[in-house]
Amino acid sequence: MNFLGYLITGQFVAFFILALIVIASAILMLNFNKVMYMALAIGGVFVGVAGIFFLLNAEFIGIAQVLIYAGAITILMLFAIMLTHEKDGESNSKGWIHETASFVFVAILLAGLMYGIRTSTINWSPASDEPSAWPVGQNVEAVAASLFQTYTIPFEVVSVLLIVALVGAVVLARKEE
């Protein structure tokens, strides 16, 4: 089935569902007043982006997105919010007309830009029919081999640097109390 020159497949539909989840979560994150809800909404953005990575056959990056961003970063933000005793934000409804008009203007401008790019004379076909450097389904093994064989020393140095940064953050937080 074709729609506006695009072949409608399951992957095509899944991409648009995930894109809607990402966009809706991002809009919700910007419109929430409580920081706790903002953190949960950005978790939705992270999970949607991970789904898009899975659609692109980048399983390693998708799993890393879920583990690092959707898991660790969101939990870290929630703990930071709970520990800082954040007060409820007050609603500012004075400029909602200007915000809505700005949003509509930017949305129309972006839609026009996307339409112009789609109808331009640029050839969007792939440059060649050669397979990518990493075969589909084997990118996790390729990343692991590269990470633990070629880049072992930089990987360990980064892990030590992150541990030192974490200990430094804890020391600074304790000093403020």
C-alpha atoms as a PDB file:
ATOM      1  CA  MET A   1       0.000   0.000   0.000  1.00  0.00           C
ATOM      2  CA  ASN A   2       1.366   3.416  -0.966  1.00  0.00           C
ATOM      3  CA  PHE A   3       0.590   6.720   0.738  1.00  0.00           C
ATOM      4  CA  LEU A   4       2.116   9.959  -0.602  1.00  0.00           C
ATOM      5  CA  GLY A   5       4.829   7.972  -2.316  1.00  0.00           C
ATOM      6  CA  TYR A   6       5.754   5.918   0.758  1.00  0.00           C
ATOM      7  CA  LEU A   7       5.346   2.174   1.016  1.00  0.00           C
ATOM      8  CA  ILE A   8       3.329   1.507   4.175  1.00  0.00           C
ATOM      9  CA  THR A   9       4.857  -1.409   6.087  1.00  0.00           C
ATOM     10  CA  GLY A  10       4.782  -2.559   9.686  1.00  0.00           C
ATOM     11  CA  GLN A  11       8.133  -0.927  10.329  1.00  0.00           C
ATOM     12  CA  PHE A  12       6.849   2.339   8.835  1.00  0.00           C
ATOM     13  CA  VAL A  13       3.787   2.296  11.135  1.00  0.00           C
ATOM     14  CA  ALA A  14       5.915   1.355  14.163  1.00  0.00           C
ATOM     15  CA  PHE A  15       8.246   4.267  13.434  1.00  0.00           C
ATOM     16  CA  PHE A  16       5.384   6.749  13.384  1.00  0.00           C
ATOM     17  CA  ILE A  17       3.897   5.342  16.591  1.00  0.00           C
ATOM     18  CA  LEU A  18       7.283   5.626  18.308  1.00  0.00           C
ATOM     19  CA  ALA A  19       7.792   9.108  16.871  1.00  0.00           C
ATOM     20  CA  LEU A  20       4.405  10.171  18.250  1.00  0.00           C
ATOM     21  CA  ILE A  21       5.331   8.762  21.661  1.00  0.00           C
ATOM     22  CA  VAL A  22       8.623  10.687  21.631  1.00  0.00           C
ATOM     23  CA  ILE A  23       6.996  13.934  20.499  1.00  0.00           C
ATOM     24  CA  ALA A  24       4.066  13.619  22.930  1.00  0.00           C
ATOM     25  CA  SER A  25       6.400  12.850  25.846  1.00  0.00           C
ATOM     26  CA  ALA A  26       8.616  15.808  24.941  1.00  0.00           C
ATOM     27  CA  ILE A  27       5.630  18.158  24.750  1.00  0.00           C
ATOM     28  CA  LEU A  28       4.286  16.829  28.049  1.00  0.00           C
ATOM     29  CA  MET A  29       7.700  17.295  29.645  1.00  0.00           C
ATOM     30  CA  LEU A  30       7.740  20.933  28.569  1.00  0.00           C
ATOM     31  CA  ASN A  31       4.186  21.565  29.782  1.00  0.00           C
ATOM     32  CA  PHE A  32       4.265  19.872  33.197  1.00  0.00           C
ATOM     33  CA  ASN A  33       4.708  22.103  36.219  1.00  0.00           C
ATOM     34  CA  LYS A  34       6.009  19.467  38.640  1.00  0.00           C
ATOM     35  CA  VAL A  35       9.563  18.320  38.118  1.00  0.00           C
ATOM     36  CA  MET A  36       8.624  14.755  39.100  1.00  0.00           C
ATOM     37  CA  TYR A  37       6.212  14.514  36.156  1.00  0.00           C
ATOM     38  CA  MET A  38       8.822  16.093  33.885  1.00  0.00           C
ATOM     39  CA  ALA A  39      11.304  13.355  34.825  1.00  0.00           C
ATOM     40  CA  LEU A  40       8.733  10.646  34.049  1.00  0.00           C
ATOM     41  CA  ALA A  41       7.916  12.272  30.703  1.00  0.00           C
ATOM     42  CA  ILE A  42      11.562  12.435  29.686  1.00  0.00           C
ATOM     43  CA  GLY A  43      11.746   8.738  30.561  1.00  0.00           C
ATOM     44  CA  GLY A  44       9.070   8.237  27.896  1.00  0.00           C
ATOM     45  CA  VAL A  45      11.237  10.138  25.422  1.00  0.00           C
ATOM     46  CA  PHE A  46      14.193   7.885  26.204  1.00  0.00           C
ATOM     47  CA  VAL A  47      12.155   4.688  25.780  1.00  0.00           C
ATOM     48  CA  GLY A  48      10.712   5.918  22.465  1.00  0.00           C
ATOM     49  CA  VAL A  49      14.164   6.758  21.146  1.00  0.00           C
ATOM     50  CA  ALA A  50      15.346   3.286  22.180  1.00  0.00           C
ATOM     51  CA  GLY A  51      12.472   1.800  20.164  1.00  0.00           C
ATOM     52  CA  ILE A  52      13.583   3.771  17.119  1.00  0.00           C
ATOM     53  CA  PHE A  53      17.098   2.393  17.553  1.00  0.00           C
ATOM     54  CA  PHE A  54      15.647  -1.129  17.592  1.00  0.00           C
ATOM     55  CA  LEU A  55      13.810  -0.379  14.343  1.00  0.00           C
ATOM     56  CA  LEU A  56      17.126   0.685  12.809  1.00  0.00           C
ATOM     57  CA  ASN A  57      18.661  -2.697  13.754  1.00  0.00           C
ATOM     58  CA  ALA A  58      20.948  -1.015  16.278  1.00  0.00           C
ATOM     59  CA  GLU A  59      20.183  -3.374  19.152  1.00  0.00           C
ATOM     60  CA  PHE A  60      23.241  -2.491  21.193  1.00  0.00           C
ATOM     61  CA  ILE A  61      22.484   1.235  21.152  1.00  0.00           C
ATOM     62  CA  GLY A  62      18.801   0.547  21.875  1.00  0.00           C
ATOM     63  CA  ILE A  63      19.618  -1.574  24.910  1.00  0.00           C
ATOM     64  CA  ALA A  64      22.195   0.968  26.067  1.00  0.00           C
ATOM     65  CA  GLN A  65      19.545   3.696  25.665  1.00  0.00           C
ATOM     66  CA  VAL A  66      17.128   1.762  27.857  1.00  0.00           C
ATOM     67  CA  LEU A  67      19.700   0.846  30.500  1.00  0.00           C
ATOM     68  CA  ILE A  68      21.580   4.123  30.691  1.00  0.00           C
ATOM     69  CA  TYR A  69      19.041   6.819  29.894  1.00  0.00           C
ATOM     70  CA  ALA A  70      15.602   5.380  30.554  1.00  0.00           C
ATOM     71  CA  GLY A  71      16.830   3.464  33.579  1.00  0.00           C
ATOM     72  CA  ALA A  72      19.750   5.067  35.303  1.00  0.00           C
ATOM     73  CA  ILE A  73      19.374   8.735  34.341  1.00  0.00           C
ATOM     74  CA  THR A  74      15.627   8.845  35.014  1.00  0.00           C
ATOM     75  CA  ILE A  75      16.045   7.136  38.400  1.00  0.00           C
ATOM     76  CA  LEU A  76      18.911   9.484  39.230  1.00  0.00           C
ATOM     77  CA  MET A  77      16.730  12.502  38.361  1.00  0.00           C
ATOM     78  CA  LEU A  78      13.880  11.164  40.502  1.00  0.00           C
ATOM     79  CA  PHE A  79      16.191  10.628  43.487  1.00  0.00           C
ATOM     80  CA  ALA A  80      17.643  14.124  43.044  1.00  0.00           C
ATOM     81  CA  ILE A  81      14.152  15.593  42.964  1.00  0.00           C
ATOM     82  CA  MET A  82      13.064  13.700  46.063  1.00  0.00           C
ATOM     83  CA  LEU A  83      16.220  14.615  47.982  1.00  0.00           C
ATOM     84  CA  THR A  84      16.130  18.329  47.165  1.00  0.00           C
ATOM     85  CA  HIS A  85      12.601  18.886  48.501  1.00  0.00           C
ATOM     86  CA  GLU A  86      11.478  20.639  45.339  1.00  0.00           C
ATOM     87  CA  LYS A  87       8.438  22.868  45.859  1.00  0.00           C
ATOM     88  CA  ASP A  88       5.460  22.768  43.546  1.00  0.00           C
ATOM     89  CA  GLY A  89       5.760  25.165  40.648  1.00  0.00           C
ATOM     90  CA  GLU A  90       3.179  27.850  40.290  1.00  0.00           C
ATOM     91  CA  SER A  91       1.157  27.941  37.134  1.00  0.00           C
ATOM     92  CA  ASN A  92       1.785  30.951  34.926  1.00  0.00           C
ATOM     93  CA  SER A  93      -1.225  31.291  32.650  1.00  0.00           C
ATOM     94  CA  LYS A  94      -0.551  34.849  31.449  1.00  0.00           C
ATOM     95  CA  GLY A  95       1.412  33.953  28.328  1.00  0.00           C
ATOM     96  CA  TRP A  96      -0.422  30.842  27.129  1.00  0.00           C
ATOM     97  CA  ILE A  97      -1.830  32.640  24.073  1.00  0.00           C
ATOM     98  CA  HIS A  98       1.648  33.744  23.005  1.00  0.00           C
ATOM     99  CA  GLU A  99       3.057  30.262  23.686  1.00  0.00           C
ATOM    100  CA  THR A 100       0.297  28.613  21.639  1.00  0.00           C
ATOM    101  CA  ALA A 101       0.730  31.053  18.756  1.00  0.00           C
ATOM    102  CA  SER A 102       4.502  30.500  18.818  1.00  0.00           C
ATOM    103  CA  PHE A 103       3.995  26.735  18.830  1.00  0.00           C
ATOM    104  CA  VAL A 104       1.598  26.873  15.870  1.00  0.00           C
ATOM    105  CA  PHE A 105       3.960  29.165  13.939  1.00  0.00           C
ATOM    106  CA  VAL A 106       6.960  26.896  14.530  1.00  0.00           C
ATOM    107  CA  ALA A 107       4.902  23.784  13.664  1.00  0.00           C
ATOM    108  CA  ILE A 108       3.760  25.322  10.355  1.00  0.00           C
ATOM    109  CA  LEU A 109       7.303  26.463   9.594  1.00  0.00           C
ATOM    110  CA  LEU A 110       8.684  22.986  10.340  1.00  0.00           C
ATOM    111  CA  ALA A 111       5.978  21.287   8.247  1.00  0.00           C
ATOM    112  CA  GLY A 112       6.748  23.608   5.321  1.00  0.00           C
ATOM    113  CA  LEU A 113      10.450  22.912   5.658  1.00  0.00           C
ATOM    114  CA  MET A 114       9.854  19.146   5.713  1.00  0.00           C
ATOM    115  CA  TYR A 115       7.587  19.378   2.672  1.00  0.00           C
ATOM    116  CA  GLY A 116      10.207  21.418   0.829  1.00  0.00           C
ATOM    117  CA  ILE A 117      12.885  18.864   1.617  1.00  0.00           C
ATOM    118  CA  ARG A 118      10.630  15.977   0.542  1.00  0.00           C
ATOM    119  CA  THR A 119       9.741  17.559  -2.797  1.00  0.00           C
ATOM    120  CA  SER A 120      13.241  18.839  -3.560  1.00  0.00           C
ATOM    121  CA  THR A 121      15.290  17.432  -6.379  1.00  0.00           C
ATOM    122  CA  ILE A 122      17.734  15.703  -4.042  1.00  0.00           C
ATOM    123  CA  ASN A 123      18.171  12.009  -4.819  1.00  0.00           C
ATOM    124  CA  TRP A 124      17.347  10.216  -1.549  1.00  0.00           C
ATOM    125  CA  SER A 125      18.234   6.752  -2.803  1.00  0.00           C
ATOM    126  CA  PRO A 126      21.176   4.934  -1.218  1.00  0.00           C
ATOM    127  CA  ALA A 127      24.564   5.604  -2.787  1.00  0.00           C
ATOM    128  CA  SER A 128      25.238   1.917  -3.340  1.00  0.00           C
ATOM    129  CA  ASP A 129      23.702  -1.472  -2.786  1.00  0.00           C
ATOM    130  CA  GLU A 130      26.690  -2.663  -0.777  1.00  0.00           C
ATOM    131  CA  PRO A 131      25.919  -3.964   2.722  1.00  0.00           C
ATOM    132  CA  SER A 132      26.924  -1.900   5.718  1.00  0.00           C
ATOM    133  CA  ALA A 133      30.135  -2.559   7.619  1.00  0.00           C
ATOM    134  CA  TRP A 134      28.204  -4.301  10.403  1.00  0.00           C
ATOM    135  CA  PRO A 135      25.838  -7.026   9.234  1.00  0.00           C
ATOM    136  CA  VAL A 136      22.304  -6.904  10.607  1.00  0.00           C
ATOM    137  CA  GLY A 137      21.972  -8.828  13.846  1.00  0.00           C
ATOM    138  CA  GLN A 138      25.718  -8.920  14.478  1.00  0.00           C
ATOM    139  CA  ASN A 139      26.267  -5.334  15.568  1.00  0.00           C
ATOM    140  CA  VAL A 140      26.262  -6.259  19.277  1.00  0.00           C
ATOM    141  CA  GLU A 141      29.101  -8.703  18.719  1.00  0.00           C
ATOM    142  CA  ALA A 142      31.016  -6.182  16.611  1.00  0.00           C
ATOM    143  CA  VAL A 143      30.656  -3.425  19.215  1.00  0.00           C
ATOM    144  CA  ALA A 144      31.641  -5.803  22.018  1.00  0.00           C
ATOM    145  CA  ALA A 145      34.691  -7.051  20.119  1.00  0.00           C
ATOM    146  CA  SER A 146      35.736  -3.495  19.331  1.00  0.00           C
ATOM    147  CA  LEU A 147      35.127  -2.319  22.889  1.00  0.00           C
ATOM    148  CA  PHE A 148      36.868  -5.145  24.715  1.00  0.00           C
ATOM    149  CA  GLN A 149      39.679  -5.902  22.261  1.00  0.00           C
ATOM    150  CA  THR A 150      40.635  -2.679  20.521  1.00  0.00           C
ATOM    151  CA  TYR A 151      39.558  -0.101  23.111  1.00  0.00           C
ATOM    152  CA  THR A 152      40.077  -1.967  26.411  1.00  0.00           C
ATOM    153  CA  ILE A 153      42.372   0.605  28.007  1.00  0.00           C
ATOM    154  CA  PRO A 154      40.232   3.677  27.110  1.00  0.00           C
ATOM    155  CA  PHE A 155      37.134   1.805  28.329  1.00  0.00           C
ATOM    156  CA  GLU A 156      38.724   1.141  31.716  1.00  0.00           C
ATOM    157  CA  VAL A 157      40.048   4.709  31.980  1.00  0.00           C
ATOM    158  CA  VAL A 158      36.560   6.085  31.361  1.00  0.00           C
ATOM    159  CA  SER A 159      35.085   3.765  34.005  1.00  0.00           C
ATOM    160  CA  VAL A 160      37.660   4.944  36.565  1.00  0.00           C
ATOM    161  CA  LEU A 161      36.963   8.570  35.618  1.00  0.00           C
ATOM    162  CA  LEU A 162      33.223   8.049  36.151  1.00  0.00           C
ATOM    163  CA  ILE A 163      33.814   6.464  39.556  1.00  0.00           C
ATOM    164  CA  VAL A 164      36.046   9.374  40.592  1.00  0.00           C
ATOM    165  CA  ALA A 165      33.374  11.851  39.425  1.00  0.00           C
ATOM    166  CA  LEU A 166      30.709   9.988  41.418  1.00  0.00           C
ATOM    167  CA  VAL A 167      32.824   9.993  44.581  1.00  0.00           C
ATOM    168  CA  GLY A 168      33.573  13.697  44.064  1.00  0.00           C
ATOM    169  CA  ALA A 169      29.867  14.472  43.712  1.00  0.00           C
ATOM    170  CA  VAL A 170      29.107  12.611  46.933  1.00  0.00           C
ATOM    171  CA  VAL A 171      31.889  14.473  48.762  1.00  0.00           C
ATOM    172  CA  LEU A 172      30.613  17.837  47.504  1.00  0.00           C
ATOM    173  CA  ALA A 173      27.035  16.959  48.471  1.00  0.00           C
ATOM    174  CA  ARG A 174      28.131  15.932  51.968  1.00  0.00           C
ATOM    175  CA  LYS A 175      30.151  19.147  52.354  1.00  0.00           C
ATOM    176  CA  GLU A 176      27.041  21.287  51.670  1.00  0.00           C
ATOM    177  CA  GLU A 177      25.035  19.542  54.392  1.00  0.00           C
END
